[in-house]
Amino acid sequence: MTRWSTRWPRHSAPLVGVLAGILSAVAAGVPSYWGDEAASVLSAQRSVPSLMGLLGRIDAVHGAYYLFLHEWIRLVGTSEAAVRLPSAVAIGVAAAGVVVLGSRLLGPAIGVLAGLVFAVLPIVTHMGIEARSYAFAIAAAVWLSVWLHELVRRRESRWWAWALFAVGFAAGVYLFLYLALLAPVHLAIVLGARASRPVVVRWLAASVGAAVLAAPIVLIAMSQREQIAFLARRDYATADAVLVEQWFGSAWALAVAAWCVIAIAVATAAFARAGRSTRFGVVVAVVWMAVPTAVLLAGDAWLTPLYNRRYVAFCAPAVALLIAAGLRALGGYAARLAARPILLRTVPLVGLGLVVALAAPAYLAQRGPYGKDGGSDLRQTADVIAAHAVAGDAIVFDRTVKPSQRPRLALNLYPDKFARVDDIELVKPLGARTALWDKVAPLPEVVSRVLAYQRVWAVESGADAPDVAALRVLGYRVERTIPVHRTMIYELVKEQP
């Protein structure tokens, strides 16, 4: 290998990382927050004792991220762009890692190409503007794998070096529980690199040590497993979710093209005259892409609900590696068939351009004002109330939809915009509870409070507006209806006797 080919990925990794981070950060402040992000922001805004109380009851698996975000928002505030920025940075770090890992497993050219493919995958650009821990988990997965590969490559025998790796792996599990599913990927790295017996023994010891260190969060997560019981009611484990949405969002054309290229990469490694290093890299990527998903689907079928397409976002680097390997293989075939060596480079670049073009619609949709959760409009709802409500008005919120879509989250996330209205349904604010959300009373239980107001704003989740019907019975008429996006806001005024 020439000095140029050795140094190229080392110099390219930071550049690809910066590019990926910028690409993810673009328009990060445009989409409104949605329910899961509300859980992050509202939890992080608590005092540390209140947050610890919450984590003791629910969401302990997100505790490390919430603690980080607690300090971050103290510095930068709670605007969407500011809170999502760390995720974009994490994607940049992950993209640099993909270049490094891909260069070591599959060669410098594939490594750089994989980093660029990774940067535009819809799942990656989505997580790059998500105020959750998924982008951090992706970065941790990549660099833990780079770390392990380096230990194996150097035939590291010092126990302290493996102890550090064990601590790092355990820390990754505290960051995101499902990173424990990297263990089969790391096994593939150790076996594929033909590690010596002492190295294998040390890796096994480090894995056991990591499991012991991570045991507390695993046990707590098991005790809180009811928080993901909703998965059983959502039917997330579908063929569309696994084959398309999990990596490619709504970009069906990209999914079809990507799976074809991935098949070429696998077939080339399995049947063509590929070098051993290429086979090694492809095997690692296939295990990384497939095994965590298979484990979660098996758990769904036989144990308890586990699968959600967001939970396997940390496997996106493997998808990028396989797409890059497939594009490189196509370039090789084209170069040999046409007897034009330049095609070895131009075909992968054309393929990269096609990936970018097919991913572009998903990228733009993610960064629209209603780009989250199928159309979350919490900020826009808050803007309407701020523009039209006056001091002395009351407000009520629909409670008939799932908690992550309840319009009341607009008040929690943007309280300044609701400063002029009275929250008559509030019983106990979330900061005083060991629960994610406020405790509120249904409208029929606060009738005496309602009747003290001449004007009431009803924020409803759609055309079906149960609060409006109840207010009409109490003698209010609809003065105005303001559609937002998926939310309807009703201004109701008490009829004069």
Protein backbone atom coordinates (compact mmCIF):
# COMPACT_ATOMS: atom_id res chain seq x y z
CA MET A 1 0.00 0.00 0.00
CA THR A 2 1.40 3.40 -0.94
CA ARG A 3 1.98 6.17 1.52
CA TRP A 4 -0.71 8.19 -0.34
CA SER A 5 -3.32 5.46 0.08
CA THR A 6 -2.48 5.17 3.75
CA ARG A 7 -2.68 8.90 4.45
CA TRP A 8 -5.65 9.68 2.22
CA PRO A 9 -8.40 8.40 4.55
CA ARG A 10 -6.62 9.93 7.54
CA HIS A 11 -6.92 13.33 5.87
CA SER A 12 -10.34 12.66 4.35
CA ALA A 13 -12.05 11.48 7.54
CA PRO A 14 -12.20 14.94 9.17
CA LEU A 15 -13.37 16.53 5.91
CA VAL A 16 -16.15 13.99 5.43
CA GLY A 17 -17.08 14.39 9.10
CA VAL A 18 -17.36 18.17 8.79
CA LEU A 19 -19.41 17.81 5.60
CA ALA A 20 -21.78 15.32 7.22
CA GLY A 21 -22.17 17.47 10.32
CA ILE A 22 -22.99 20.56 8.29
CA LEU A 23 -25.40 18.62 6.10
CA SER A 24 -27.26 17.40 9.18
CA ALA A 25 -27.27 20.81 10.88
CA VAL A 26 -28.82 22.64 7.91
CA ALA A 27 -32.36 23.84 8.79
CA ALA A 28 -32.26 22.02 12.12
CA GLY A 29 -34.38 24.75 13.67
CA VAL A 30 -37.16 24.65 11.09
CA PRO A 31 -39.24 21.60 12.13
CA SER A 32 -41.25 21.87 15.32
CA TYR A 33 -40.37 19.60 18.20
CA TRP A 34 -42.38 16.38 18.45
CA GLY A 35 -43.33 14.15 21.38
CA ASP A 36 -40.10 12.21 21.90
CA GLU A 37 -38.07 15.38 21.65
CA ALA A 38 -40.44 16.96 24.14
CA ALA A 39 -39.56 14.15 26.55
CA SER A 40 -35.88 15.00 26.11
CA VAL A 41 -36.24 18.76 26.52
CA LEU A 42 -38.73 18.69 29.38
CA SER A 43 -36.74 16.05 31.26
CA ALA A 44 -33.51 17.99 30.79
CA GLN A 45 -35.14 21.17 32.11
CA ARG A 46 -35.84 19.55 35.48
CA SER A 47 -33.59 20.03 38.45
CA VAL A 48 -31.10 17.21 38.90
CA PRO A 49 -32.99 15.77 41.93
CA SER A 50 -36.25 15.87 39.97
CA LEU A 51 -34.56 14.23 36.98
CA MET A 52 -33.11 11.49 39.18
CA GLY A 53 -36.58 10.85 40.56
CA LEU A 54 -37.95 10.55 37.05
CA LEU A 55 -35.19 8.18 35.93
CA GLY A 56 -35.84 5.98 38.92
CA ARG A 57 -39.31 5.37 37.57
CA ILE A 58 -39.07 5.71 33.80
CA ASP A 59 -36.66 6.49 30.95
CA ALA A 60 -33.50 5.39 32.79
CA VAL A 61 -32.17 4.17 29.45
CA HIS A 62 -32.08 7.79 28.30
CA GLY A 63 -30.56 9.06 31.54
CA ALA A 64 -27.05 9.73 30.21
CA TYR A 65 -28.42 11.80 27.34
CA TYR A 66 -30.83 13.71 29.58
CA LEU A 67 -28.00 14.60 31.96
CA PHE A 68 -25.89 15.85 29.06
CA LEU A 69 -28.83 17.84 27.70
CA HIS A 70 -29.51 19.31 31.16
CA GLU A 71 -26.12 21.01 31.07
CA TRP A 72 -26.29 21.83 27.37
CA ILE A 73 -29.57 23.76 27.55
CA ARG A 74 -28.25 25.70 30.52
CA LEU A 75 -25.66 27.06 28.10
CA VAL A 76 -27.62 27.46 24.86
CA GLY A 77 -31.32 27.49 25.72
CA THR A 78 -34.11 25.34 24.34
CA SER A 79 -34.53 26.46 20.75
CA GLU A 80 -34.83 23.62 18.27
CA ALA A 81 -31.63 24.54 16.43
CA ALA A 82 -29.57 24.75 19.62
CA VAL A 83 -30.86 21.54 21.18
CA ARG A 84 -30.45 19.54 17.98
CA LEU A 85 -26.96 20.81 17.24
CA PRO A 86 -25.15 18.13 19.32
CA SER A 87 -26.86 15.44 17.25
CA ALA A 88 -25.55 17.00 14.05
CA VAL A 89 -22.06 17.11 15.55
CA ALA A 90 -22.39 13.46 16.57
CA ILE A 91 -23.30 12.55 12.99
CA GLY A 92 -20.16 14.32 11.81
CA VAL A 93 -18.07 12.34 14.30
CA ALA A 94 -19.77 9.15 13.15
CA ALA A 95 -19.13 9.92 9.46
CA ALA A 96 -15.42 10.41 10.15
CA GLY A 97 -15.43 7.06 11.92
CA VAL A 98 -17.11 5.37 8.96
CA VAL A 99 -14.27 6.61 6.73
CA VAL A 100 -11.66 5.27 9.15
CA LEU A 101 -13.35 1.93 9.72
CA GLY A 102 -14.25 1.44 6.06
CA SER A 103 -10.69 2.21 5.01
CA ARG A 104 -9.35 -0.42 7.39
CA LEU A 105 -11.89 -3.09 6.53
CA LEU A 106 -12.42 -2.51 2.80
CA GLY A 107 -9.77 -0.10 1.58
CA PRO A 108 -9.33 3.68 1.43
CA ALA A 109 -11.49 4.32 -1.63
CA ILE A 110 -14.44 2.39 -0.19
CA GLY A 111 -13.93 4.01 3.20
CA VAL A 112 -14.25 7.55 1.85
CA LEU A 113 -17.17 6.57 -0.39
CA ALA A 114 -18.91 4.91 2.58
CA GLY A 115 -18.52 8.06 4.66
CA LEU A 116 -20.17 10.12 1.93
CA VAL A 117 -22.99 7.61 1.46
CA PHE A 118 -23.51 7.55 5.23
CA ALA A 119 -23.81 11.33 5.33
CA VAL A 120 -26.86 11.32 3.03
CA LEU A 121 -28.75 8.22 4.17
CA PRO A 122 -32.23 9.37 5.26
CA ILE A 123 -31.97 7.65 8.64
CA VAL A 124 -28.72 9.54 9.29
CA THR A 125 -29.94 12.97 8.21
CA HIS A 126 -33.07 12.37 10.28
CA MET A 127 -31.15 11.50 13.43
CA GLY A 128 -28.86 14.45 12.81
CA ILE A 129 -31.71 16.80 13.74
CA GLU A 130 -33.32 14.68 16.43
CA ALA A 131 -33.06 15.75 20.07
CA ARG A 132 -32.57 12.17 21.20
CA SER A 133 -29.54 9.97 21.82
CA TYR A 134 -29.63 8.06 18.52
CA ALA A 135 -26.96 10.13 16.75
CA PHE A 136 -24.68 9.71 19.75
CA ALA A 137 -25.30 5.96 19.66
CA ILE A 138 -24.33 5.83 15.98
CA ALA A 139 -21.07 7.64 16.69
CA ALA A 140 -20.34 5.40 19.68
CA ALA A 141 -21.00 2.25 17.63
CA VAL A 142 -18.59 3.31 14.90
CA TRP A 143 -15.73 4.38 17.14
CA LEU A 144 -16.06 1.40 19.49
CA SER A 145 -15.64 -0.78 16.41
CA VAL A 146 -12.63 1.24 15.24
CA TRP A 147 -11.15 0.94 18.73
CA LEU A 148 -11.61 -2.82 18.81
CA HIS A 149 -10.17 -3.25 15.33
CA GLU A 150 -7.10 -1.25 16.36
CA LEU A 151 -6.59 -3.39 19.48
CA VAL A 152 -6.82 -6.55 17.40
CA ARG A 153 -4.63 -5.21 14.61
CA ARG A 154 -1.89 -4.29 17.08
CA ARG A 155 -2.26 -7.64 18.82
CA GLU A 156 -2.67 -5.70 22.01
CA SER A 157 -1.82 -7.85 25.03
CA ARG A 158 -1.79 -5.30 27.84
CA TRP A 159 -4.69 -5.91 30.19
CA TRP A 160 -5.20 -2.24 31.01
CA ALA A 161 -5.83 -1.45 27.34
CA TRP A 162 -8.61 -4.05 27.23
CA ALA A 163 -9.98 -2.81 30.56
CA LEU A 164 -10.33 0.64 29.04
CA PHE A 165 -12.18 -0.86 26.10
CA ALA A 166 -14.52 -2.66 28.51
CA VAL A 167 -15.29 0.62 30.26
CA GLY A 168 -15.89 2.32 26.91
CA PHE A 169 -18.24 -0.42 25.73
CA ALA A 170 -20.17 -0.31 29.00
CA ALA A 171 -20.42 3.48 28.73
CA GLY A 172 -21.92 3.00 25.26
CA VAL A 173 -24.60 0.72 26.72
CA TYR A 174 -25.44 3.36 29.33
CA LEU A 175 -25.76 5.87 26.51
CA PHE A 176 -28.03 3.59 24.47
CA LEU A 177 -29.00 0.17 25.76
CA TYR A 178 -29.17 -1.58 22.39
CA LEU A 179 -25.48 -0.95 21.74
CA ALA A 180 -25.05 -4.21 23.63
CA LEU A 181 -26.07 -5.78 20.30
CA LEU A 182 -22.68 -4.76 18.91
CA ALA A 183 -21.22 -7.84 20.59
CA PRO A 184 -21.82 -10.10 17.53
CA VAL A 185 -20.27 -7.43 15.30
CA HIS A 186 -17.20 -7.32 17.50
CA LEU A 187 -17.02 -11.11 17.44
CA ALA A 188 -16.97 -10.93 13.64
CA ILE A 189 -14.11 -8.40 13.80
CA VAL A 190 -12.09 -10.55 16.18
CA LEU A 191 -12.61 -13.77 14.22
CA GLY A 192 -12.26 -12.18 10.79
CA ALA A 193 -8.99 -10.54 11.74
CA ARG A 194 -7.67 -13.93 12.85
CA ALA A 195 -6.77 -12.60 16.25
CA SER A 196 -4.27 -14.60 18.25
CA ARG A 197 -5.45 -16.69 21.18
CA PRO A 198 -4.19 -14.19 23.80
CA VAL A 199 -6.08 -11.39 22.04
CA VAL A 200 -9.25 -13.48 21.85
CA VAL A 201 -8.97 -14.26 25.57
CA ARG A 202 -8.55 -10.58 26.39
CA TRP A 203 -11.47 -9.59 24.21
CA LEU A 204 -13.68 -12.17 25.90
CA ALA A 205 -12.58 -10.90 29.30
CA ALA A 206 -13.27 -7.31 28.24
CA SER A 207 -16.71 -8.30 26.98
CA VAL A 208 -17.54 -9.98 30.27
CA GLY A 209 -16.23 -6.96 32.14
CA ALA A 210 -18.37 -4.63 30.02
CA ALA A 211 -21.41 -6.81 30.71
CA VAL A 212 -20.78 -6.63 34.45
CA LEU A 213 -20.32 -2.86 34.35
CA ALA A 214 -23.48 -2.42 32.26
CA ALA A 215 -25.58 -4.82 34.35
CA PRO A 216 -27.18 -2.07 36.49
CA ILE A 217 -28.67 -0.22 33.51
CA VAL A 218 -29.80 -3.51 31.98
CA LEU A 219 -31.58 -4.50 35.20
CA ILE A 220 -33.19 -1.07 35.55
CA ALA A 221 -34.31 -1.19 31.92
CA MET A 222 -35.90 -4.59 32.51
CA SER A 223 -37.76 -3.22 35.54
CA GLN A 224 -39.03 -0.32 33.39
CA ARG A 225 -39.89 -2.37 30.32
CA GLU A 226 -43.54 -1.32 30.53
CA GLN A 227 -42.50 2.01 29.03
CA ILE A 228 -42.08 0.29 25.65
CA ALA A 229 -45.20 -1.86 25.99
CA PHE A 230 -46.83 0.50 23.47
CA LEU A 231 -44.74 -1.20 20.76
CA ALA A 232 -47.09 -4.17 20.92
CA ARG A 233 -49.97 -1.91 19.86
CA ARG A 234 -48.22 -0.10 17.02
CA ASP A 235 -47.30 -2.95 14.64
CA TYR A 236 -43.88 -1.45 13.91
CA ALA A 237 -42.28 -4.73 12.84
CA THR A 238 -43.45 -4.75 9.23
CA ALA A 239 -41.60 -5.53 6.01
CA ASP A 240 -41.80 -1.87 4.98
CA ALA A 241 -40.29 -0.76 8.28
CA VAL A 242 -37.41 -3.24 8.15
CA LEU A 243 -36.54 -3.06 4.47
CA VAL A 244 -37.34 0.55 3.64
CA GLU A 245 -38.18 2.95 6.46
CA GLN A 246 -35.46 1.68 8.81
CA TRP A 247 -32.67 3.07 6.62
CA PHE A 248 -34.27 5.01 3.77
CA GLY A 249 -37.32 6.73 5.24
CA SER A 250 -39.97 7.15 2.58
CA ALA A 251 -37.44 6.94 -0.29
CA TRP A 252 -38.62 3.73 -1.93
CA ALA A 253 -36.54 4.21 -5.08
CA LEU A 254 -33.43 4.65 -2.95
CA ALA A 255 -34.29 1.52 -1.00
CA VAL A 256 -34.64 -0.59 -4.13
CA ALA A 257 -31.39 0.73 -5.61
CA ALA A 258 -29.53 0.32 -2.32
CA TRP A 259 -30.64 -3.27 -1.79
CA CYS A 260 -29.55 -4.14 -5.34
CA VAL A 261 -26.11 -2.64 -4.72
CA ILE A 262 -25.85 -4.36 -1.33
CA ALA A 263 -26.67 -7.67 -3.02
CA ILE A 264 -23.85 -7.04 -5.49
CA ALA A 265 -21.43 -6.37 -2.63
CA VAL A 266 -22.40 -9.58 -0.84
CA ALA A 267 -22.33 -11.68 -4.01
CA THR A 268 -18.94 -10.28 -4.99
CA ALA A 269 -17.51 -11.11 -1.58
CA ALA A 270 -19.04 -14.57 -1.58
CA PHE A 271 -18.51 -15.77 -5.13
CA ALA A 272 -16.17 -13.52 -7.05
CA ARG A 273 -12.42 -13.41 -6.74
CA ALA A 274 -12.49 -10.88 -3.94
CA GLY A 275 -9.56 -10.56 -1.59
CA ARG A 276 -9.75 -11.88 1.93
CA SER A 277 -9.83 -8.36 3.39
CA THR A 278 -12.86 -7.52 1.25
CA ARG A 279 -14.68 -10.62 2.43
CA PHE A 280 -13.78 -9.77 6.01
CA GLY A 281 -15.15 -6.25 5.71
CA VAL A 282 -18.35 -7.34 4.00
CA VAL A 283 -19.00 -10.03 6.60
CA VAL A 284 -18.57 -7.54 9.44
CA ALA A 285 -20.93 -5.09 7.73
CA VAL A 286 -23.56 -7.78 7.04
CA VAL A 287 -23.48 -8.94 10.66
CA TRP A 288 -23.75 -5.34 11.83
CA MET A 289 -26.65 -4.56 9.53
CA ALA A 290 -28.63 -7.75 10.05
CA VAL A 291 -28.05 -9.30 13.48
CA PRO A 292 -29.31 -6.48 15.77
CA THR A 293 -32.49 -6.17 13.72
CA ALA A 294 -32.96 -9.95 13.73
CA VAL A 295 -32.51 -10.10 17.51
CA LEU A 296 -35.12 -7.40 18.08
CA LEU A 297 -37.57 -9.00 15.68
CA ALA A 298 -37.09 -12.37 17.38
CA GLY A 299 -37.67 -10.71 20.74
CA ASP A 300 -40.84 -9.15 19.36
CA ALA A 301 -42.10 -12.54 18.24
CA TRP A 302 -41.17 -14.67 21.23
CA LEU A 303 -40.49 -12.51 24.28
CA THR A 304 -41.67 -8.91 24.58
CA PRO A 305 -42.04 -5.91 22.27
CA LEU A 306 -38.54 -4.65 21.40
CA TYR A 307 -38.46 -3.44 17.82
CA ASN A 308 -38.72 0.12 16.60
CA ARG A 309 -36.94 1.24 13.45
CA ARG A 310 -35.26 4.08 15.34
CA TYR A 311 -33.66 1.63 17.75
CA VAL A 312 -31.37 0.17 15.08
CA ALA A 313 -30.15 3.47 13.68
CA PHE A 314 -26.72 2.60 15.10
CA CYS A 315 -26.44 0.01 12.30
CA ALA A 316 -26.62 2.67 9.56
CA PRO A 317 -22.80 2.72 9.14
CA ALA A 318 -22.94 -0.92 8.04
CA VAL A 319 -25.52 -0.06 5.36
CA ALA A 320 -23.24 2.70 4.08
CA LEU A 321 -20.25 0.33 4.01
CA LEU A 322 -22.16 -2.25 1.99
CA ILE A 323 -23.51 0.31 -0.47
CA ALA A 324 -20.00 1.67 -0.98
CA ALA A 325 -18.58 -1.83 -1.44
CA GLY A 326 -21.29 -2.62 -3.98
CA LEU A 327 -20.64 0.59 -5.94
CA ARG A 328 -16.94 -0.18 -5.98
CA ALA A 329 -17.64 -3.71 -7.22
CA LEU A 330 -19.84 -2.30 -10.00
CA GLY A 331 -17.00 -0.01 -10.99
CA GLY A 332 -14.65 -2.98 -11.15
CA TYR A 333 -17.02 -4.99 -13.35
CA ALA A 334 -17.58 -2.03 -15.67
CA ALA A 335 -13.85 -1.35 -15.93
CA ARG A 336 -13.11 -4.96 -16.89
CA LEU A 337 -16.00 -5.33 -19.33
CA ALA A 338 -15.25 -2.07 -21.13
CA ALA A 339 -11.48 -2.37 -20.70
CA ARG A 340 -11.48 1.19 -19.38
CA PRO A 341 -9.81 1.43 -15.95
CA ILE A 342 -11.20 4.91 -15.37
CA LEU A 343 -14.63 3.36 -14.83
CA LEU A 344 -13.35 1.91 -11.56
CA ARG A 345 -13.55 5.44 -10.20
CA THR A 346 -16.27 7.06 -12.26
CA VAL A 347 -18.96 4.40 -11.73
CA PRO A 348 -18.85 4.69 -7.90
CA LEU A 349 -18.99 8.47 -8.20
CA VAL A 350 -22.00 8.26 -10.49
CA GLY A 351 -23.56 5.83 -8.03
CA LEU A 352 -22.91 8.27 -5.19
CA GLY A 353 -24.61 11.00 -7.21
CA LEU A 354 -27.63 8.74 -7.69
CA VAL A 355 -27.79 8.04 -3.95
CA VAL A 356 -27.71 11.78 -3.25
CA ALA A 357 -30.44 12.47 -5.81
CA LEU A 358 -32.72 9.73 -4.51
CA ALA A 359 -32.19 10.78 -0.89
CA ALA A 360 -32.76 14.49 -1.55
CA PRO A 361 -36.60 14.47 -1.33
CA ALA A 362 -36.48 12.77 2.09
CA TYR A 363 -33.82 15.24 3.25
CA LEU A 364 -35.93 18.23 2.25
CA ALA A 365 -39.08 16.77 3.80
CA GLN A 366 -37.26 16.18 7.09
CA ARG A 367 -36.38 19.87 7.23
CA GLY A 368 -39.81 21.30 6.50
CA PRO A 369 -41.80 23.06 9.24
CA TYR A 370 -43.86 19.90 9.82
CA GLY A 371 -41.05 17.42 9.22
CA LYS A 372 -41.33 15.50 12.49
CA ASP A 373 -43.64 12.64 13.44
CA GLY A 374 -45.80 12.90 10.36
CA GLY A 375 -46.55 16.58 10.86
CA SER A 376 -45.89 17.76 14.40
CA ASP A 377 -47.06 21.39 14.71
CA LEU A 378 -46.44 22.15 18.38
CA ARG A 379 -44.48 25.37 17.79
CA GLN A 380 -46.96 26.61 15.20
CA THR A 381 -49.80 25.91 17.62
CA ALA A 382 -48.04 27.95 20.28
CA ASP A 383 -47.57 30.80 17.77
CA VAL A 384 -51.32 30.90 17.05
CA ILE A 385 -52.19 31.15 20.75
CA ALA A 386 -49.57 33.87 21.27
CA ALA A 387 -51.01 35.84 18.34
CA HIS A 388 -54.71 35.62 19.22
CA ALA A 389 -55.28 34.95 22.93
CA VAL A 390 -55.60 37.83 25.40
CA ALA A 391 -55.09 38.06 29.12
CA GLY A 392 -57.93 36.48 31.05
CA ASP A 393 -58.66 33.71 28.52
CA ALA A 394 -58.68 30.04 29.49
CA ILE A 395 -57.28 27.12 27.52
CA VAL A 396 -58.00 23.38 27.36
CA PHE A 397 -56.24 20.63 25.44
CA ASP A 398 -57.35 17.43 23.73
CA ARG A 399 -56.31 14.26 25.60
CA THR A 400 -57.68 11.62 23.22
CA VAL A 401 -54.47 10.95 21.26
CA LYS A 402 -51.31 9.17 22.39
CA PRO A 403 -49.18 11.15 24.87
CA SER A 404 -46.42 11.96 22.36
CA GLN A 405 -48.94 13.74 20.11
CA ARG A 406 -51.02 15.57 22.68
CA PRO A 407 -51.23 19.27 21.84
CA ARG A 408 -50.62 20.18 25.48
CA LEU A 409 -46.92 19.61 24.78
CA ALA A 410 -46.96 22.95 22.98
CA LEU A 411 -47.58 24.67 26.32
CA ASN A 412 -44.81 22.71 28.03
CA LEU A 413 -42.26 23.40 25.29
CA TYR A 414 -43.12 27.04 24.56
CA PRO A 415 -44.54 28.36 27.84
CA ASP A 416 -43.83 32.03 27.02
CA LYS A 417 -46.32 31.88 24.18
CA PHE A 418 -49.07 30.81 26.59
CA ALA A 419 -48.34 33.48 29.20
CA ARG A 420 -51.69 35.25 28.68
CA VAL A 421 -53.95 32.21 29.08
CA ASP A 422 -54.94 30.30 32.21
CA ASP A 423 -54.22 26.58 32.25
CA ILE A 424 -57.39 25.51 34.02
CA GLU A 425 -56.89 21.74 33.66
CA LEU A 426 -53.49 21.57 35.39
CA VAL A 427 -53.44 19.54 38.60
CA LYS A 428 -49.70 18.97 39.11
CA PRO A 429 -46.85 20.14 36.85
CA LEU A 430 -44.42 17.57 35.50
CA GLY A 431 -41.52 19.05 37.45
CA ALA A 432 -43.22 18.05 40.67
CA ARG A 433 -43.88 14.49 39.50
CA THR A 434 -41.84 11.36 38.79
CA ALA A 435 -43.56 11.14 35.41
CA LEU A 436 -42.84 12.58 31.99
CA TRP A 437 -45.94 14.74 31.67
CA ASP A 438 -48.18 17.06 33.69
CA LYS A 439 -51.06 15.65 35.67
CA VAL A 440 -54.22 17.21 34.32
CA ALA A 441 -57.92 16.92 35.04
CA PRO A 442 -60.39 16.15 32.25
CA LEU A 443 -62.69 18.99 31.28
CA PRO A 444 -65.82 17.60 33.03
CA GLU A 445 -63.94 17.77 36.35
CA VAL A 446 -63.13 21.48 36.05
CA VAL A 447 -66.52 22.82 34.95
CA SER A 448 -66.65 25.33 37.80
CA ARG A 449 -63.32 26.77 36.70
CA VAL A 450 -64.37 26.93 33.05
CA LEU A 451 -67.55 28.86 33.73
CA ALA A 452 -65.55 31.69 35.30
CA TYR A 453 -64.16 32.59 31.85
CA GLN A 454 -65.85 34.45 29.04
CA ARG A 455 -63.47 33.05 26.38
CA VAL A 456 -61.94 29.57 26.18
CA TRP A 457 -59.43 28.26 23.64
CA ALA A 458 -59.74 24.56 22.81
CA VAL A 459 -56.67 23.00 21.20
CA GLU A 460 -57.76 19.80 19.50
CA SER A 461 -55.94 17.04 17.65
CA GLY A 462 -58.15 17.05 14.59
CA ALA A 463 -61.68 17.42 13.31
CA ASP A 464 -63.04 15.29 16.15
CA ALA A 465 -63.12 17.85 18.98
CA PRO A 466 -64.58 16.39 22.19
CA ASP A 467 -63.71 19.46 24.26
CA VAL A 468 -65.59 21.70 21.87
CA ALA A 469 -68.69 19.56 22.20
CA ALA A 470 -68.43 19.67 25.99
CA LEU A 471 -67.99 23.45 26.00
CA ARG A 472 -71.01 23.89 23.78
CA VAL A 473 -73.08 22.00 26.32
CA LEU A 474 -71.83 24.48 28.94
CA GLY A 475 -73.13 27.40 26.89
CA TYR A 476 -70.17 28.37 24.73
CA ARG A 477 -70.30 28.94 20.99
CA VAL A 478 -67.50 28.63 18.47
CA GLU A 479 -66.39 32.12 17.49
CA ARG A 480 -63.50 31.09 15.29
CA THR A 481 -61.72 27.98 14.04
CA ILE A 482 -58.01 28.19 13.21
CA PRO A 483 -56.44 25.20 11.43
CA VAL A 484 -52.71 24.77 12.09
CA HIS A 485 -51.58 21.55 10.43
CA ARG A 486 -52.82 18.47 12.21
CA THR A 487 -54.12 20.58 15.10
CA MET A 488 -57.31 22.64 15.15
CA ILE A 489 -57.69 25.59 17.50
CA TYR A 490 -61.18 26.77 18.49
CA GLU A 491 -62.04 30.07 20.05
CA LEU A 492 -65.19 29.69 22.11
CA VAL A 493 -67.12 32.52 23.73
CA LYS A 494 -69.81 32.20 26.40
CA GLU A 495 -73.28 32.83 25.08
CA GLN A 496 -75.02 35.84 26.61
CA PRO A 497 -78.15 34.93 28.58
